[in-house]
N, C-alpha and C. Protein backbone atom coordinates (compact mmCIF):
# COMPACT_ATOMS: atom_id res chain seq x y z
N MET A 1 -32.56 -75.37 205.59
CA MET A 1 -31.46 -75.47 206.13
C MET A 1 -30.05 -74.48 205.28
N THR A 2 -30.21 -74.14 204.22
CA THR A 2 -29.28 -72.88 203.62
C THR A 2 -29.15 -71.86 204.17
N ALA A 3 -30.64 -71.34 204.66
CA ALA A 3 -30.34 -70.18 205.49
C ALA A 3 -29.72 -70.16 206.89
N VAL A 4 -29.76 -71.39 207.58
CA VAL A 4 -29.28 -71.49 208.88
C VAL A 4 -27.67 -71.74 208.54
N PHE A 5 -27.18 -72.33 207.46
CA PHE A 5 -25.81 -72.46 207.21
C PHE A 5 -25.15 -70.96 207.04
N LYS A 6 -26.04 -70.27 206.04
CA LYS A 6 -25.57 -68.92 205.71
C LYS A 6 -25.51 -67.86 207.08
N ALA A 7 -26.45 -68.01 207.73
CA ALA A 7 -26.47 -67.35 209.14
C ALA A 7 -24.97 -67.51 209.71
N LEU A 8 -24.89 -68.62 209.73
CA LEU A 8 -23.72 -69.59 210.70
C LEU A 8 -22.42 -68.84 210.13
N SER A 9 -22.38 -68.51 208.68
CA SER A 9 -21.05 -68.42 208.28
C SER A 9 -20.33 -67.24 208.72
N ASP A 10 -21.19 -66.44 209.39
CA ASP A 10 -20.47 -65.15 210.05
C ASP A 10 -20.18 -65.24 211.25
N PRO A 11 -18.70 -64.92 211.45
CA PRO A 11 -18.42 -65.02 212.89
C PRO A 11 -19.27 -64.13 213.80
N THR A 12 -19.44 -62.96 213.50
CA THR A 12 -20.31 -62.05 214.41
C THR A 12 -21.76 -62.67 214.80
N ARG A 13 -22.59 -63.47 213.87
CA ARG A 13 -23.26 -63.99 214.13
C ARG A 13 -23.40 -65.19 214.81
N ARG A 14 -22.23 -65.69 214.92
CA ARG A 14 -22.10 -67.07 215.74
C ARG A 14 -21.92 -66.72 216.88
N ARG A 15 -21.07 -65.70 217.14
CA ARG A 15 -20.93 -64.55 218.68
C ARG A 15 -22.11 -64.45 219.01
N VAL A 16 -23.16 -63.59 218.24
CA VAL A 16 -24.65 -63.40 218.86
C VAL A 16 -25.11 -64.72 219.36
N LEU A 17 -25.09 -65.65 218.73
CA LEU A 17 -25.73 -67.04 218.88
C LEU A 17 -24.98 -67.69 220.58
N GLN A 18 -23.41 -67.73 220.43
CA GLN A 18 -23.07 -67.86 221.76
C GLN A 18 -23.54 -67.09 222.98
N LEU A 19 -23.38 -65.57 222.75
CA LEU A 19 -24.10 -64.49 223.80
C LEU A 19 -25.41 -65.16 224.39
N LEU A 20 -26.23 -65.61 223.24
CA LEU A 20 -27.62 -65.99 223.48
C LEU A 20 -28.10 -67.14 224.50
N ARG A 21 -26.87 -68.02 224.56
CA ARG A 21 -26.82 -69.38 225.04
C ARG A 21 -27.18 -69.05 226.57
N ARG A 22 -26.79 -67.92 226.69
CA ARG A 22 -26.83 -67.55 228.16
C ARG A 22 -27.99 -67.08 228.75
N GLY A 23 -28.98 -66.93 227.82
CA GLY A 23 -30.07 -66.43 228.39
C GLY A 23 -30.55 -65.17 227.08
N PRO A 24 -31.94 -64.88 227.13
CA PRO A 24 -32.53 -63.56 226.59
C PRO A 24 -31.76 -62.56 226.61
N MET A 25 -31.44 -61.48 225.41
CA MET A 25 -30.70 -60.42 225.53
C MET A 25 -31.59 -59.12 224.87
N SER A 26 -31.20 -58.13 225.26
CA SER A 26 -31.88 -56.72 224.41
C SER A 26 -30.73 -56.53 223.21
N ALA A 27 -31.26 -56.38 221.96
CA ALA A 27 -30.56 -55.65 220.94
C ALA A 27 -29.42 -54.92 221.60
N GLY A 28 -29.58 -53.90 222.22
CA GLY A 28 -28.33 -53.01 222.99
C GLY A 28 -27.43 -53.63 223.58
N GLN A 29 -27.77 -54.67 224.48
CA GLN A 29 -26.75 -55.45 225.07
C GLN A 29 -26.02 -56.51 224.30
N LEU A 30 -26.66 -56.88 223.38
CA LEU A 30 -25.83 -57.74 222.34
C LEU A 30 -24.93 -56.73 221.55
N ALA A 31 -25.47 -55.80 221.03
CA ALA A 31 -24.50 -54.73 220.39
C ALA A 31 -23.34 -54.31 221.05
N GLY A 32 -23.53 -54.31 222.32
CA GLY A 32 -22.14 -53.73 222.94
C GLY A 32 -20.98 -54.52 223.28
N HIS A 33 -21.35 -55.79 222.70
CA HIS A 33 -20.31 -56.56 222.29
C HIS A 33 -19.22 -56.64 221.48
N PHE A 34 -20.18 -55.72 220.26
CA PHE A 34 -19.27 -55.65 218.78
C PHE A 34 -19.00 -53.99 218.22
N ARG A 35 -17.81 -54.07 217.68
CA ARG A 35 -17.35 -52.88 217.23
C ARG A 35 -17.88 -52.29 215.79
N VAL A 36 -19.55 -52.35 215.49
CA VAL A 36 -20.19 -52.38 214.45
C VAL A 36 -21.14 -51.39 214.83
N SER A 37 -21.54 -50.69 213.60
CA SER A 37 -22.85 -49.88 213.51
C SER A 37 -24.08 -50.51 213.96
N LYS A 38 -25.02 -49.59 214.25
CA LYS A 38 -26.33 -50.27 214.81
C LYS A 38 -27.26 -51.10 213.48
N PRO A 39 -27.22 -50.35 212.26
CA PRO A 39 -27.50 -50.92 211.38
C PRO A 39 -26.89 -51.95 210.66
N THR A 40 -25.50 -52.28 210.99
CA THR A 40 -24.93 -53.51 210.69
C THR A 40 -25.67 -54.57 211.69
N MET A 41 -25.44 -54.14 213.07
CA MET A 41 -26.34 -55.38 214.04
C MET A 41 -27.38 -55.49 213.43
N SER A 42 -28.30 -54.66 213.15
CA SER A 42 -29.39 -54.96 212.67
C SER A 42 -29.79 -56.00 211.68
N ALA A 43 -28.84 -55.84 210.69
CA ALA A 43 -28.69 -56.69 209.27
C ALA A 43 -28.55 -58.34 209.87
N HIS A 44 -27.39 -58.59 210.92
CA HIS A 44 -27.05 -59.31 211.54
C HIS A 44 -28.52 -60.26 212.03
N PHE A 45 -29.00 -59.58 212.84
CA PHE A 45 -30.17 -59.91 213.38
C PHE A 45 -31.24 -60.47 212.67
N ALA A 46 -31.50 -59.77 211.25
CA ALA A 46 -32.44 -60.11 210.25
C ALA A 46 -32.04 -61.56 209.92
N VAL A 47 -30.48 -61.66 209.51
CA VAL A 47 -30.49 -62.98 209.13
C VAL A 47 -30.63 -63.88 210.03
N LEU A 48 -30.21 -63.86 211.19
CA LEU A 48 -30.31 -64.98 212.14
C LEU A 48 -31.90 -65.14 212.37
N ARG A 49 -32.78 -64.01 212.41
CA ARG A 49 -34.39 -64.12 212.47
C ARG A 49 -34.91 -64.95 211.16
N GLY A 50 -34.30 -64.51 210.14
CA GLY A 50 -34.79 -65.18 208.96
C GLY A 50 -34.46 -66.42 208.81
N ALA A 51 -33.36 -66.95 209.43
CA ALA A 51 -33.00 -68.59 209.34
C ALA A 51 -33.61 -69.08 210.78
N GLY A 52 -34.49 -68.50 211.22
CA GLY A 52 -35.00 -69.14 212.47
C GLY A 52 -34.41 -69.34 213.69
N LEU A 53 -32.99 -68.72 213.68
CA LEU A 53 -32.06 -69.31 214.81
C LEU A 53 -32.43 -68.25 216.30
N ILE A 54 -33.19 -67.14 215.96
CA ILE A 54 -33.38 -66.19 217.01
C ILE A 54 -34.84 -66.06 216.78
N GLU A 55 -35.52 -65.51 218.06
CA GLU A 55 -36.67 -64.91 217.94
C GLU A 55 -36.50 -63.28 218.47
N ALA A 56 -37.44 -62.43 218.19
CA ALA A 56 -37.46 -61.25 218.37
C ALA A 56 -38.92 -60.95 219.51
N GLU A 57 -38.59 -60.11 220.33
CA GLU A 57 -39.81 -59.84 220.97
C GLU A 57 -39.71 -58.32 221.53
N ARG A 58 -40.58 -57.56 221.40
CA ARG A 58 -40.54 -56.20 221.60
C ARG A 58 -41.31 -56.26 223.01
N GLN A 59 -40.13 -55.64 224.41
CA GLN A 59 -40.78 -55.33 225.55
C GLN A 59 -40.38 -53.87 225.74
N GLY A 60 -41.43 -53.15 225.61
CA GLY A 60 -41.52 -51.56 226.00
C GLY A 60 -40.63 -51.38 224.81
N LYS A 61 -39.62 -50.40 225.07
CA LYS A 61 -38.99 -49.75 223.88
C LYS A 61 -37.64 -50.88 223.74
N LEU A 62 -37.63 -51.96 224.59
CA LEU A 62 -36.43 -52.72 224.11
C LEU A 62 -36.74 -54.08 223.15
N ILE A 63 -36.02 -54.58 222.66
CA ILE A 63 -36.13 -55.86 221.80
C ILE A 63 -35.48 -56.75 222.04
N MET A 64 -35.94 -57.99 222.68
CA MET A 64 -35.53 -58.66 223.51
C MET A 64 -35.26 -60.28 222.56
N TYR A 65 -33.95 -60.66 222.24
CA TYR A 65 -33.69 -61.77 221.48
C TYR A 65 -33.48 -63.20 222.18
N THR A 66 -34.25 -64.00 221.71
CA THR A 66 -33.83 -65.52 222.35
C THR A 66 -33.37 -66.57 221.15
N LEU A 67 -32.71 -67.20 221.52
CA LEU A 67 -31.79 -68.41 220.88
C LEU A 67 -32.94 -69.61 220.50
N GLN A 68 -33.01 -69.97 219.13
CA GLN A 68 -33.81 -71.05 219.12
C GLN A 68 -33.03 -72.06 218.64
N ILE A 69 -32.56 -72.88 219.77
CA ILE A 69 -31.45 -74.06 219.41
C ILE A 69 -32.27 -75.22 218.65
N SER A 70 -33.65 -75.29 218.67
CA SER A 70 -33.96 -76.50 218.16
C SER A 70 -33.59 -76.11 216.38
N VAL A 71 -33.91 -75.37 216.07
CA VAL A 71 -33.80 -75.01 214.74
C VAL A 71 -32.23 -75.18 214.32
N LEU A 72 -31.30 -75.22 214.84
CA LEU A 72 -29.91 -75.44 214.47
C LEU A 72 -29.64 -76.91 214.78
N GLU A 73 -30.46 -77.63 215.94
CA GLU A 73 -30.15 -79.16 215.77
C GLU A 73 -31.10 -79.72 214.61
N ASP A 74 -31.87 -79.38 214.00
CA ASP A 74 -32.56 -79.89 213.04
C ASP A 74 -31.90 -79.77 211.73
N ALA A 75 -31.42 -78.67 211.66
CA ALA A 75 -30.16 -78.19 210.23
C ALA A 75 -28.90 -79.23 210.51
N LEU A 76 -28.58 -79.30 211.48
CA LEU A 76 -27.27 -80.44 212.13
C LEU A 76 -27.60 -81.83 211.58
N LEU A 77 -28.73 -82.33 212.10
CA LEU A 77 -29.47 -83.51 211.86
C LEU A 77 -29.69 -83.57 210.23
N ALA A 78 -30.35 -82.91 209.40
CA ALA A 78 -30.35 -82.77 208.19
C ALA A 78 -28.99 -82.82 207.43
N PHE A 79 -27.97 -82.28 208.06
CA PHE A 79 -26.68 -82.11 207.45
C PHE A 79 -26.09 -83.38 207.52
N ALA A 80 -26.26 -83.88 208.42
CA ALA A 80 -25.50 -85.21 209.00
C ALA A 80 -26.15 -86.49 208.01
N GLN A 81 -27.43 -86.44 207.74
CA GLN A 81 -28.19 -87.68 207.13
C GLN A 81 -27.51 -87.38 205.64
N VAL A 82 -27.26 -86.14 205.15
CA VAL A 82 -26.60 -86.01 203.54
C VAL A 82 -25.23 -86.87 203.73
N PHE A 83 -24.75 -87.28 204.58
CA PHE A 83 -23.21 -88.10 204.86
C PHE A 83 -23.88 -89.58 205.40
N GLY A 84 -24.87 -89.77 205.35
CA GLY A 84 -25.72 -91.17 206.12
C GLY A 84 -25.38 -91.43 207.67
N TRP A 85 -25.16 -90.32 208.15
CA TRP A 85 -25.16 -90.35 209.68
C TRP A 85 -26.49 -90.13 210.48
N ASP A 86 -26.92 -91.23 211.30
CA ASP A 86 -28.22 -91.05 211.67
C ASP A 86 -28.22 -90.46 212.86
N LEU A 87 -28.25 -89.32 213.27
CA LEU A 87 -27.93 -88.89 214.78
C LEU A 87 -29.11 -88.50 215.35
N ARG A 88 -30.50 -89.06 214.60
CA ARG A 88 -31.89 -89.06 215.44
C ARG A 88 -31.98 -90.00 216.34
N ALA A 89 -30.90 -91.16 215.79
CA ALA A 89 -30.94 -92.37 216.83
C ALA A 89 -30.09 -92.08 218.16
N ARG A 90 -29.20 -90.99 217.92
CA ARG A 90 -28.53 -90.77 219.27
C ARG A 90 -28.99 -88.97 219.51
N PRO A 91 -29.80 -88.67 220.19
CA PRO A 91 -30.35 -87.24 220.20
C PRO A 91 -29.41 -86.32 221.07
N ALA A 92 -29.01 -87.33 222.12
CA ALA A 92 -27.83 -86.49 222.92
C ALA A 92 -26.37 -86.15 222.10
N ARG A 93 -26.14 -86.98 221.06
CA ARG A 93 -25.14 -86.70 220.44
C ARG A 93 -25.25 -85.74 219.39
N ALA A 94 -26.58 -85.53 218.85
CA ALA A 94 -26.87 -84.32 218.29
C ALA A 94 -26.83 -82.70 218.93
N ARG A 95 -27.71 -83.18 220.10
CA ARG A 95 -27.62 -81.82 221.09
C ARG A 95 -25.84 -81.55 221.21
N ARG A 96 -25.07 -82.17 221.48
CA ARG A 96 -23.62 -81.86 221.80
C ARG A 96 -23.15 -81.39 220.07
N ALA A 97 -23.43 -81.56 219.19
CA ALA A 97 -23.00 -81.32 218.08
C ALA A 97 -23.22 -79.74 217.84
N ALA A 98 -24.57 -79.88 218.27
CA ALA A 98 -25.36 -78.30 218.23
C ALA A 98 -24.51 -77.38 219.07
N THR A 99 -24.05 -77.55 220.57
CA THR A 99 -23.48 -77.20 221.50
C THR A 99 -22.24 -76.65 221.01
N GLU A 100 -21.54 -77.61 220.24
CA GLU A 100 -20.06 -77.49 219.90
C GLU A 100 -20.01 -76.40 218.57
N VAL A 101 -20.91 -76.39 217.84
CA VAL A 101 -20.80 -75.27 216.95
C VAL A 101 -20.45 -74.14 217.77
N PHE A 102 -21.08 -73.45 218.75
CA PHE A 102 -21.03 -72.44 219.17
C PHE A 102 -19.77 -72.08 220.52
N SER A 103 -19.17 -73.19 220.68
CA SER A 103 -17.93 -73.49 221.61
C SER A 103 -16.46 -72.75 220.50
N ARG A 104 -16.67 -72.78 219.27
CA ARG A 104 -15.53 -72.66 218.56
C ARG A 104 -15.32 -71.03 218.38
């Protein structure tokens, strides 16, 4: 859970996740949305992969990234349980909470 929240703490990484909500994208497509160096974007991708929030798949010369929303949902559920909230009883609410994280 700590790795997920560390990954979410950076606005660039949150924006990457927002972009991936639309569907898989290549590293180049994602990098085109930011004014940072390729090594910086690679570091962001590594943090997101390490947290399990994205998966990378090589397709020829491209690396395609895909959002793994279930990891975020699990982290949010665990976080809610710290405060005694049982979102597992309301899965639609948990999914809505996970989606709202990316809309900010």
